Amino acid sequence: MSVYYMNGAFRPLEEVSLPLTDLVIQRGVGVFESVKIIGRKVLAITAHMKRLEESALGAGIKIGGTGVIDEITRALREGSLRDDCPGGGECAVAKAYITGGDAIDRGFFTAPRFFVIFSQMDPIFPEGCENGVALQPTAERRPYPLVKSINYLFGLMQTAGLDDMLECLYCPDGYATETLRSSFFVVLGGRLVTAPEGTVLKGVTRDIVIELAKADGIAVEERRPEVSEFALAEEAFITNSLYGVIPVIRIGGTAIGNGKPGPVSARLLELYDANIEKWLDR
């Protein structure tokens, strides 16, 4: 079951639609945010809405002074409290989209549309991810990494037919940056190593995990890990707003550490779960 917000109201599926002229359909022009709802509260709503606004502006979608972000924020909060929120509002996902609309003016999109979809929270794999996941490295680089675009096509192409791979890991020029949907970390000599902000999409959960790690005495080094360091890493993991901390046990054909989830990622997941209340509906 899903719930939809569009054109100023919550509506059933049969009452929501986009015209074929919208550039989200014709050219893939659109940005979005996925946020988790826990106990009828939205996780890190302020950080997500700031990133959504920055993505829209970075893509040339004109939303300044239109109240779009404020309305989406209200819709997220109201939707999480509705009786028909999937999962009873205890565990759900809301995806907020801003499209390119119908009008282009010198490379800017001046008539955007926006909508929010509330849906059931599904597991990554039916068996869960406690035993770790595998990533497929690719020499491709994520286009425009500072914009959270809807266009995942070229990233999805990297794992086509690879059922054992969760998603691709971008490794341009021999350095690991991020995955299709997540921030990427390796553990080297007990330190967390992750690509610096500004070279990758700003990760909301990444920032939370870095804050928790530093408070727990775990050192964090912000640089792009080298692909050659995968074989030396004690652990690796990814972070995202829907699933928190997910251990990575293999990258391509290279086992990470002993090929099993390690103590650092387990500790960070423990800290994340124990402190999540601090980031709910803020």
C-alpha atoms as a PDB file:
ATOM      1  CA  MET A   1       0.000   0.000   0.000  1.00  0.00           C
ATOM      2  CA  SER A   2       1.228   3.485  -0.856  1.00  0.00           C
ATOM      3  CA  VAL A   3       0.054   7.029  -0.108  1.00  0.00           C
ATOM      4  CA  TYR A   4       0.601   9.959  -2.484  1.00  0.00           C
ATOM      5  CA  TYR A   5       0.849  13.721  -2.020  1.00  0.00           C
ATOM      6  CA  MET A   6       0.508  15.930  -5.080  1.00  0.00           C
ATOM      7  CA  ASN A   7      -1.017  19.291  -5.979  1.00  0.00           C
ATOM      8  CA  GLY A   8      -1.542  20.313  -2.384  1.00  0.00           C
ATOM      9  CA  ALA A   9      -3.340  17.220  -1.097  1.00  0.00           C
ATOM     10  CA  PHE A  10      -3.028  13.526  -0.252  1.00  0.00           C
ATOM     11  CA  ARG A  11      -4.617  11.541  -3.056  1.00  0.00           C
ATOM     12  CA  PRO A  12      -5.226   7.946  -4.166  1.00  0.00           C
ATOM     13  CA  LEU A  13      -3.073   6.534  -6.957  1.00  0.00           C
ATOM     14  CA  GLU A  14      -5.766   6.956  -9.604  1.00  0.00           C
ATOM     15  CA  GLU A  15      -5.786  10.735  -9.001  1.00  0.00           C
ATOM     16  CA  VAL A  16      -2.058  11.391  -9.385  1.00  0.00           C
ATOM     17  CA  SER A  17      -0.296  11.720 -12.729  1.00  0.00           C
ATOM     18  CA  LEU A  18       2.336  13.637 -14.661  1.00  0.00           C
ATOM     19  CA  PRO A  19       1.869  14.927 -18.207  1.00  0.00           C
ATOM     20  CA  LEU A  20       4.046  13.411 -20.905  1.00  0.00           C
ATOM     21  CA  THR A  21       5.452  16.886 -21.496  1.00  0.00           C
ATOM     22  CA  ASP A  22       7.185  16.950 -18.100  1.00  0.00           C
ATOM     23  CA  LEU A  23      10.950  16.918 -18.580  1.00  0.00           C
ATOM     24  CA  VAL A  24      11.317  14.285 -15.875  1.00  0.00           C
ATOM     25  CA  ILE A  25       9.819  11.925 -18.471  1.00  0.00           C
ATOM     26  CA  GLN A  26      11.304  13.377 -21.644  1.00  0.00           C
ATOM     27  CA  ARG A  27      14.838  14.116 -20.419  1.00  0.00           C
ATOM     28  CA  GLY A  28      15.189  12.593 -16.927  1.00  0.00           C
ATOM     29  CA  VAL A  29      15.307  16.044 -15.311  1.00  0.00           C
ATOM     30  CA  GLY A  30      14.428  15.628 -11.648  1.00  0.00           C
ATOM     31  CA  VAL A  31      15.841  15.372  -8.140  1.00  0.00           C
ATOM     32  CA  PHE A  32      14.631  13.481  -5.092  1.00  0.00           C
ATOM     33  CA  GLU A  33      15.169  12.479  -1.478  1.00  0.00           C
ATOM     34  CA  SER A  34      14.366   9.202   0.277  1.00  0.00           C
ATOM     35  CA  VAL A  35      13.615   9.602   3.969  1.00  0.00           C
ATOM     36  CA  LYS A  36      12.793   7.021   6.591  1.00  0.00           C
ATOM     37  CA  ILE A  37       9.799   7.259   8.913  1.00  0.00           C
ATOM     38  CA  ILE A  38      10.266   5.653  12.330  1.00  0.00           C
ATOM     39  CA  GLY A  39       7.574   5.729  14.998  1.00  0.00           C
ATOM     40  CA  ARG A  40       5.643   8.386  13.026  1.00  0.00           C
ATOM     41  CA  LYS A  41       8.665  10.695  12.971  1.00  0.00           C
ATOM     42  CA  VAL A  42      10.795  11.619   9.958  1.00  0.00           C
ATOM     43  CA  LEU A  43      14.498  10.847  10.185  1.00  0.00           C
ATOM     44  CA  ALA A  44      16.835  13.853   9.741  1.00  0.00           C
ATOM     45  CA  ILE A  45      14.181  15.864   7.924  1.00  0.00           C
ATOM     46  CA  THR A  46      16.084  19.176   8.054  1.00  0.00           C
ATOM     47  CA  ALA A  47      19.249  17.700   6.504  1.00  0.00           C
ATOM     48  CA  HIS A  48      17.271  15.887   3.813  1.00  0.00           C
ATOM     49  CA  MET A  49      15.268  18.968   2.840  1.00  0.00           C
ATOM     50  CA  LYS A  50      18.426  21.088   2.689  1.00  0.00           C
ATOM     51  CA  ARG A  51      20.019  18.551   0.351  1.00  0.00           C
ATOM     52  CA  LEU A  52      16.862  18.402  -1.778  1.00  0.00           C
ATOM     53  CA  GLU A  53      16.878  22.166  -2.148  1.00  0.00           C
ATOM     54  CA  GLU A  54      20.586  22.190  -3.026  1.00  0.00           C
ATOM     55  CA  SER A  55      20.059  19.411  -5.577  1.00  0.00           C
ATOM     56  CA  ALA A  56      17.212  21.297  -7.245  1.00  0.00           C
ATOM     57  CA  LEU A  57      19.218  24.501  -7.443  1.00  0.00           C
ATOM     58  CA  GLY A  58      22.297  22.617  -8.661  1.00  0.00           C
ATOM     59  CA  ALA A  59      20.210  21.043 -11.436  1.00  0.00           C
ATOM     60  CA  GLY A  60      18.869  24.420 -12.506  1.00  0.00           C
ATOM     61  CA  ILE A  61      15.336  23.709 -11.255  1.00  0.00           C
ATOM     62  CA  LYS A  62      13.910  27.033 -10.114  1.00  0.00           C
ATOM     63  CA  ILE A  63      12.268  26.649  -6.705  1.00  0.00           C
ATOM     64  CA  GLY A  64      13.585  29.764  -4.969  1.00  0.00           C
ATOM     65  CA  GLY A  65      10.898  31.665  -3.084  1.00  0.00           C
ATOM     66  CA  THR A  66       8.150  29.272  -4.216  1.00  0.00           C
ATOM     67  CA  GLY A  67       7.679  27.503  -0.887  1.00  0.00           C
ATOM     68  CA  VAL A  68       8.253  24.087  -2.492  1.00  0.00           C
ATOM     69  CA  ILE A  69      10.598  22.831   0.222  1.00  0.00           C
ATOM     70  CA  ASP A  70       8.303  24.103   2.992  1.00  0.00           C
ATOM     71  CA  GLU A  71       5.318  22.338   1.459  1.00  0.00           C
ATOM     72  CA  ILE A  72       7.225  19.077   0.999  1.00  0.00           C
ATOM     73  CA  THR A  73       8.381  19.299   4.626  1.00  0.00           C
ATOM     74  CA  ARG A  74       4.786  19.760   5.809  1.00  0.00           C
ATOM     75  CA  ALA A  75       3.651  16.864   3.632  1.00  0.00           C
ATOM     76  CA  LEU A  76       6.320  14.568   5.082  1.00  0.00           C
ATOM     77  CA  ARG A  77       5.333  15.386   8.651  1.00  0.00           C
ATOM     78  CA  GLU A  78       1.610  15.141   7.983  1.00  0.00           C
ATOM     79  CA  GLY A  79       1.986  11.931   5.982  1.00  0.00           C
ATOM     80  CA  SER A  80       3.934  10.236   8.767  1.00  0.00           C
ATOM     81  CA  LEU A  81       0.980  10.852  11.121  1.00  0.00           C
ATOM     82  CA  ARG A  82      -1.792   9.659   8.814  1.00  0.00           C
ATOM     83  CA  ASP A  83      -3.715   6.508   9.666  1.00  0.00           C
ATOM     84  CA  ASP A  84      -3.033   5.189   6.167  1.00  0.00           C
ATOM     85  CA  CYS A  85       0.737   5.723   6.341  1.00  0.00           C
ATOM     86  CA  PRO A  86       2.312   2.392   5.298  1.00  0.00           C
ATOM     87  CA  GLY A  87       3.420   0.242   8.203  1.00  0.00           C
ATOM     88  CA  GLY A  88       1.237   2.312  10.505  1.00  0.00           C
ATOM     89  CA  GLY A  89       3.950   4.959  10.409  1.00  0.00           C
ATOM     90  CA  GLU A  90       6.234   2.736  12.490  1.00  0.00           C
ATOM     91  CA  CYS A  91       8.623   1.965   9.637  1.00  0.00           C
ATOM     92  CA  ALA A  92       8.056   3.427   6.183  1.00  0.00           C
ATOM     93  CA  VAL A  93       9.864   5.288   3.437  1.00  0.00           C
ATOM     94  CA  ALA A  94       8.839   8.587   1.849  1.00  0.00           C
ATOM     95  CA  LYS A  95      10.324   9.713  -1.457  1.00  0.00           C
ATOM     96  CA  ALA A  96      10.015  13.398  -2.342  1.00  0.00           C
ATOM     97  CA  TYR A  97      10.506  14.365  -5.995  1.00  0.00           C
ATOM     98  CA  ILE A  98      10.917  17.693  -7.783  1.00  0.00           C
ATOM     99  CA  THR A  99      10.626  17.440 -11.568  1.00  0.00           C
ATOM    100  CA  GLY A 100      11.898  19.653 -14.353  1.00  0.00           C
ATOM    101  CA  GLY A 101       8.360  20.575 -15.346  1.00  0.00           C
ATOM    102  CA  ASP A 102       7.496  21.785 -18.838  1.00  0.00           C
ATOM    103  CA  ALA A 103       9.487  24.993 -19.333  1.00  0.00           C
ATOM    104  CA  ILE A 104      13.166  25.590 -20.146  1.00  0.00           C
ATOM    105  CA  ASP A 105      14.660  29.087 -20.100  1.00  0.00           C
ATOM    106  CA  ARG A 106      18.351  29.238 -21.086  1.00  0.00           C
ATOM    107  CA  GLY A 107      19.088  25.933 -19.353  1.00  0.00           C
ATOM    108  CA  PHE A 108      16.919  26.582 -16.295  1.00  0.00           C
ATOM    109  CA  PHE A 109      13.699  24.735 -15.530  1.00  0.00           C
ATOM    110  CA  THR A 110      11.182  27.342 -14.464  1.00  0.00           C
ATOM    111  CA  ALA A 111       7.926  25.418 -13.932  1.00  0.00           C
ATOM    112  CA  PRO A 112       8.739  22.431 -11.710  1.00  0.00           C
ATOM    113  CA  ARG A 113       6.265  19.956 -10.255  1.00  0.00           C
ATOM    114  CA  PHE A 114       6.670  18.048  -7.015  1.00  0.00           C
ATOM    115  CA  PHE A 115       5.121  15.066  -5.254  1.00  0.00           C
ATOM    116  CA  VAL A 116       5.769  12.634  -2.386  1.00  0.00           C
ATOM    117  CA  ILE A 117       5.235   8.859  -2.316  1.00  0.00           C
ATOM    118  CA  PHE A 118       4.871   7.084   1.042  1.00  0.00           C
ATOM    119  CA  SER A 119       5.429   3.334   0.817  1.00  0.00           C
ATOM    120  CA  GLN A 120       6.317   0.185   2.713  1.00  0.00           C
ATOM    121  CA  MET A 121       9.898  -0.229   3.907  1.00  0.00           C
ATOM    122  CA  ASP A 122      11.313  -3.277   2.106  1.00  0.00           C
ATOM    123  CA  PRO A 123      14.467  -5.213   3.047  1.00  0.00           C
ATOM    124  CA  ILE A 124      17.518  -4.979   0.787  1.00  0.00           C
ATOM    125  CA  PHE A 125      17.519  -8.756   0.399  1.00  0.00           C
ATOM    126  CA  PRO A 126      14.861 -11.213   1.628  1.00  0.00           C
ATOM    127  CA  GLU A 127      17.448 -12.663   4.018  1.00  0.00           C
ATOM    128  CA  GLY A 128      18.564  -9.218   5.232  1.00  0.00           C
ATOM    129  CA  CYS A 129      22.063  -7.764   5.147  1.00  0.00           C
ATOM    130  CA  GLU A 130      23.460  -8.938   8.491  1.00  0.00           C
ATOM    131  CA  ASN A 131      25.906 -11.214   6.663  1.00  0.00           C
ATOM    132  CA  GLY A 132      27.183  -8.372   4.485  1.00  0.00           C
ATOM    133  CA  VAL A 133      26.775  -7.407   0.845  1.00  0.00           C
ATOM    134  CA  ALA A 134      28.934  -7.320  -2.271  1.00  0.00           C
ATOM    135  CA  LEU A 135      29.627  -4.305  -4.502  1.00  0.00           C
ATOM    136  CA  GLN A 136      30.583  -4.222  -8.172  1.00  0.00           C
ATOM    137  CA  PRO A 137      33.448  -1.799  -8.857  1.00  0.00           C
ATOM    138  CA  THR A 138      33.292   0.301 -11.989  1.00  0.00           C
ATOM    139  CA  ALA A 139      35.778   2.756 -13.462  1.00  0.00           C
ATOM    140  CA  GLU A 140      32.860   5.052 -14.296  1.00  0.00           C
ATOM    141  CA  ARG A 141      32.407   8.221 -12.264  1.00  0.00           C
ATOM    142  CA  ARG A 142      29.084   9.394 -10.923  1.00  0.00           C
ATOM    143  CA  PRO A 143      27.907  12.322 -13.072  1.00  0.00           C
ATOM    144  CA  TYR A 144      27.357  15.547 -11.118  1.00  0.00           C
ATOM    145  CA  PRO A 145      27.829  13.938  -7.676  1.00  0.00           C
ATOM    146  CA  LEU A 146      26.617  17.005  -5.763  1.00  0.00           C
ATOM    147  CA  VAL A 147      23.114  16.638  -7.266  1.00  0.00           C
ATOM    148  CA  LYS A 148      20.852  13.780  -6.138  1.00  0.00           C
ATOM    149  CA  SER A 149      19.364  13.169  -9.564  1.00  0.00           C
ATOM    150  CA  ILE A 150      16.669  10.629 -10.395  1.00  0.00           C
ATOM    151  CA  ASN A 151      18.854   9.381 -13.256  1.00  0.00           C
ATOM    152  CA  TYR A 152      20.302   6.107 -11.959  1.00  0.00           C
ATOM    153  CA  LEU A 153      20.412   4.433 -15.371  1.00  0.00           C
ATOM    154  CA  PHE A 154      24.177   4.352 -15.912  1.00  0.00           C
ATOM    155  CA  GLY A 155      24.812   3.119 -12.380  1.00  0.00           C
ATOM    156  CA  LEU A 156      22.185   0.388 -12.689  1.00  0.00           C
ATOM    157  CA  MET A 157      23.757  -0.749 -15.961  1.00  0.00           C
ATOM    158  CA  GLN A 158      26.949  -1.680 -14.064  1.00  0.00           C
ATOM    159  CA  THR A 159      25.232  -4.505 -12.150  1.00  0.00           C
ATOM    160  CA  ALA A 160      22.842  -5.742 -14.827  1.00  0.00           C
ATOM    161  CA  GLY A 161      22.609  -9.538 -14.510  1.00  0.00           C
ATOM    162  CA  LEU A 162      24.793  -9.651 -11.380  1.00  0.00           C
ATOM    163  CA  ASP A 163      22.350 -10.976  -8.812  1.00  0.00           C
ATOM    164  CA  ASP A 164      24.981 -11.223  -6.059  1.00  0.00           C
ATOM    165  CA  MET A 165      25.917  -7.525  -6.256  1.00  0.00           C
ATOM    166  CA  LEU A 166      23.932  -4.994  -4.258  1.00  0.00           C
ATOM    167  CA  GLU A 167      25.012  -2.023  -6.384  1.00  0.00           C
ATOM    168  CA  CYS A 168      27.992  -0.511  -8.157  1.00  0.00           C
ATOM    169  CA  LEU A 169      30.923   1.220  -6.468  1.00  0.00           C
ATOM    170  CA  TYR A 170      32.275   4.148  -8.482  1.00  0.00           C
ATOM    171  CA  CYS A 171      36.068   3.899  -8.733  1.00  0.00           C
ATOM    172  CA  PRO A 172      37.261   6.505 -11.282  1.00  0.00           C
ATOM    173  CA  ASP A 173      41.021   6.828 -11.786  1.00  0.00           C
ATOM    174  CA  GLY A 174      41.714   4.019  -9.307  1.00  0.00           C
ATOM    175  CA  TYR A 175      39.999   5.692  -6.336  1.00  0.00           C
ATOM    176  CA  ALA A 176      36.751   4.685  -4.635  1.00  0.00           C
ATOM    177  CA  THR A 177      34.196   7.445  -4.161  1.00  0.00           C
ATOM    178  CA  GLU A 178      30.638   6.255  -3.430  1.00  0.00           C
ATOM    179  CA  THR A 179      28.101   3.671  -4.521  1.00  0.00           C
ATOM    180  CA  LEU A 180      24.983   4.200  -6.581  1.00  0.00           C
ATOM    181  CA  ARG A 181      22.811   4.811  -3.499  1.00  0.00           C
ATOM    182  CA  SER A 182      25.176   5.042  -0.542  1.00  0.00           C
ATOM    183  CA  SER A 183      28.277   6.540   1.032  1.00  0.00           C
ATOM    184  CA  PHE A 184      31.297   4.210   1.145  1.00  0.00           C
ATOM    185  CA  PHE A 185      33.813   3.578   3.942  1.00  0.00           C
ATOM    186  CA  VAL A 186      36.788   1.267   4.395  1.00  0.00           C
ATOM    187  CA  VAL A 187      38.531   0.503   7.673  1.00  0.00           C
ATOM    188  CA  LEU A 188      42.327   0.699   7.411  1.00  0.00           C
ATOM    189  CA  GLY A 189      44.470   0.400  10.530  1.00  0.00           C
ATOM    190  CA  GLY A 190      41.376   0.928  12.663  1.00  0.00           C
ATOM    191  CA  ARG A 191      40.572   4.256  10.918  1.00  0.00           C
ATOM    192  CA  LEU A 192      37.534   5.010   8.829  1.00  0.00           C
ATOM    193  CA  VAL A 193      38.534   6.219   5.368  1.00  0.00           C
ATOM    194  CA  THR A 194      35.895   7.854   3.179  1.00  0.00           C
ATOM    195  CA  ALA A 195      35.892  10.261   0.237  1.00  0.00           C
ATOM    196  CA  PRO A 196      35.730  13.917   1.311  1.00  0.00           C
ATOM    197  CA  GLU A 197      32.592  15.981   1.078  1.00  0.00           C
ATOM    198  CA  GLY A 198      32.526  17.974  -2.123  1.00  0.00           C
ATOM    199  CA  THR A 199      33.787  15.043  -4.200  1.00  0.00           C
ATOM    200  CA  VAL A 200      30.733  12.872  -3.461  1.00  0.00           C
ATOM    201  CA  LEU A 201      27.054  13.410  -2.724  1.00  0.00           C
ATOM    202  CA  LYS A 202      26.651  14.789   0.786  1.00  0.00           C
ATOM    203  CA  GLY A 203      25.462  11.790   2.777  1.00  0.00           C
ATOM    204  CA  VAL A 204      22.990  12.480   5.591  1.00  0.00           C
ATOM    205  CA  THR A 205      23.675   9.146   7.306  1.00  0.00           C
ATOM    206  CA  ARG A 206      27.373   9.474   6.445  1.00  0.00           C
ATOM    207  CA  ASP A 207      27.505  12.654   8.529  1.00  0.00           C
ATOM    208  CA  ILE A 208      25.690  10.962  11.423  1.00  0.00           C
ATOM    209  CA  VAL A 209      28.038   7.958  11.367  1.00  0.00           C
ATOM    210  CA  ILE A 210      31.140  10.169  11.241  1.00  0.00           C
ATOM    211  CA  GLU A 211      29.849  12.143  14.234  1.00  0.00           C
ATOM    212  CA  LEU A 212      29.137   8.946  16.192  1.00  0.00           C
ATOM    213  CA  ALA A 213      32.502   7.415  15.258  1.00  0.00           C
ATOM    214  CA  LYS A 214      34.485  10.440  16.415  1.00  0.00           C
ATOM    215  CA  ALA A 215      32.539  10.605  19.688  1.00  0.00           C
ATOM    216  CA  ASP A 216      33.380   6.925  20.240  1.00  0.00           C
ATOM    217  CA  GLY A 217      37.108   7.477  19.661  1.00  0.00           C
ATOM    218  CA  ILE A 218      37.236   6.044  16.147  1.00  0.00           C
ATOM    219  CA  ALA A 219      39.513   8.071  13.875  1.00  0.00           C
ATOM    220  CA  VAL A 220      38.119   9.301  10.553  1.00  0.00           C
ATOM    221  CA  GLU A 221      40.254  10.184   7.532  1.00  0.00           C
ATOM    222  CA  GLU A 222      38.515  11.956   4.663  1.00  0.00           C
ATOM    223  CA  ARG A 223      40.262  10.971   1.454  1.00  0.00           C
ATOM    224  CA  ARG A 224      39.380   8.735  -1.453  1.00  0.00           C
ATOM    225  CA  PRO A 225      40.460   5.149  -0.731  1.00  0.00           C
ATOM    226  CA  GLU A 226      42.604   3.605  -3.438  1.00  0.00           C
ATOM    227  CA  VAL A 227      41.285   0.503  -5.194  1.00  0.00           C
ATOM    228  CA  SER A 228      44.619  -1.160  -4.355  1.00  0.00           C
ATOM    229  CA  GLU A 229      43.748  -0.740  -0.658  1.00  0.00           C
ATOM    230  CA  PHE A 230      40.698  -3.002  -0.830  1.00  0.00           C
ATOM    231  CA  ALA A 231      42.879  -6.091  -0.284  1.00  0.00           C
ATOM    232  CA  LEU A 232      44.431  -4.423   2.787  1.00  0.00           C
ATOM    233  CA  ALA A 233      41.193  -3.241   4.393  1.00  0.00           C
ATOM    234  CA  GLU A 234      40.040  -4.847   7.615  1.00  0.00           C
ATOM    235  CA  GLU A 235      36.439  -3.941   6.851  1.00  0.00           C
ATOM    236  CA  ALA A 236      34.224  -1.942   4.534  1.00  0.00           C
ATOM    237  CA  PHE A 237      30.665  -0.709   4.819  1.00  0.00           C
ATOM    238  CA  ILE A 238      28.149   1.612   3.221  1.00  0.00           C
ATOM    239  CA  THR A 239      25.667   3.980   4.816  1.00  0.00           C
ATOM    240  CA  ASN A 240      22.337   5.338   3.682  1.00  0.00           C
ATOM    241  CA  SER A 241      19.250   6.837   5.244  1.00  0.00           C
ATOM    242  CA  LEU A 242      16.989   3.832   4.801  1.00  0.00           C
ATOM    243  CA  TYR A 243      19.218   1.034   6.094  1.00  0.00           C
ATOM    244  CA  GLY A 244      21.816   2.727   8.305  1.00  0.00           C
ATOM    245  CA  VAL A 245      25.155   0.868   8.310  1.00  0.00           C
ATOM    246  CA  ILE A 246      25.557  -2.111   5.952  1.00  0.00           C
ATOM    247  CA  PRO A 247      28.735  -4.231   6.064  1.00  0.00           C
ATOM    248  CA  VAL A 248      30.494  -4.950   2.756  1.00  0.00           C
ATOM    249  CA  ILE A 249      32.273  -8.311   2.572  1.00  0.00           C
ATOM    250  CA  ARG A 250      33.356  -8.329  -1.074  1.00  0.00           C
ATOM    251  CA  ILE A 251      34.137  -5.814  -3.805  1.00  0.00           C
ATOM    252  CA  GLY A 252      34.172  -7.497  -7.199  1.00  0.00           C
ATOM    253  CA  GLY A 253      36.395 -10.538  -6.728  1.00  0.00           C
ATOM    254  CA  THR A 254      38.221  -9.145  -3.681  1.00  0.00           C
ATOM    255  CA  ALA A 255      37.171 -10.339  -0.227  1.00  0.00           C
ATOM    256  CA  ILE A 256      37.253  -7.618   2.430  1.00  0.00           C
ATOM    257  CA  GLY A 257      39.058  -8.670   5.609  1.00  0.00           C
ATOM    258  CA  ASN A 258      38.057 -12.229   6.442  1.00  0.00           C
ATOM    259  CA  GLY A 259      35.000 -12.032   4.215  1.00  0.00           C
ATOM    260  CA  LYS A 260      32.635 -11.458   7.124  1.00  0.00           C
ATOM    261  CA  PRO A 261      31.168  -8.348   8.805  1.00  0.00           C
ATOM    262  CA  GLY A 262      33.657  -6.890  11.265  1.00  0.00           C
ATOM    263  CA  PRO A 263      33.554  -5.294  14.723  1.00  0.00           C
ATOM    264  CA  VAL A 264      33.849  -1.661  13.603  1.00  0.00           C
ATOM    265  CA  SER A 265      30.776  -1.719  11.374  1.00  0.00           C
ATOM    266  CA  ALA A 266      28.926  -3.679  14.071  1.00  0.00           C
ATOM    267  CA  ARG A 267      29.841  -1.056  16.667  1.00  0.00           C
ATOM    268  CA  LEU A 268      28.758   1.807  14.400  1.00  0.00           C
ATOM    269  CA  LEU A 269      25.431   0.117  13.671  1.00  0.00           C
ATOM    270  CA  GLU A 270      24.944  -0.357  17.406  1.00  0.00           C
ATOM    271  CA  LEU A 271      25.667   3.332  18.031  1.00  0.00           C
ATOM    272  CA  TYR A 272      23.433   4.372  15.157  1.00  0.00           C
ATOM    273  CA  ASP A 273      20.463   2.365  16.420  1.00  0.00           C
ATOM    274  CA  ALA A 274      21.004   3.511  20.007  1.00  0.00           C
ATOM    275  CA  ASN A 275      21.155   7.204  19.089  1.00  0.00           C
ATOM    276  CA  ILE A 276      18.694   7.434  16.205  1.00  0.00           C
ATOM    277  CA  GLU A 277      16.114   9.245  18.350  1.00  0.00           C
ATOM    278  CA  LYS A 278      18.325  12.344  18.308  1.00  0.00           C
ATOM    279  CA  TRP A 279      17.815  12.751  14.565  1.00  0.00           C
ATOM    280  CA  LEU A 280      14.083  12.063  14.359  1.00  0.00           C
ATOM    281  CA  ASP A 281      11.870  14.890  13.029  1.00  0.00           C
ATOM    282  CA  ARG A 282      14.490  17.606  13.422  1.00  0.00           C
END
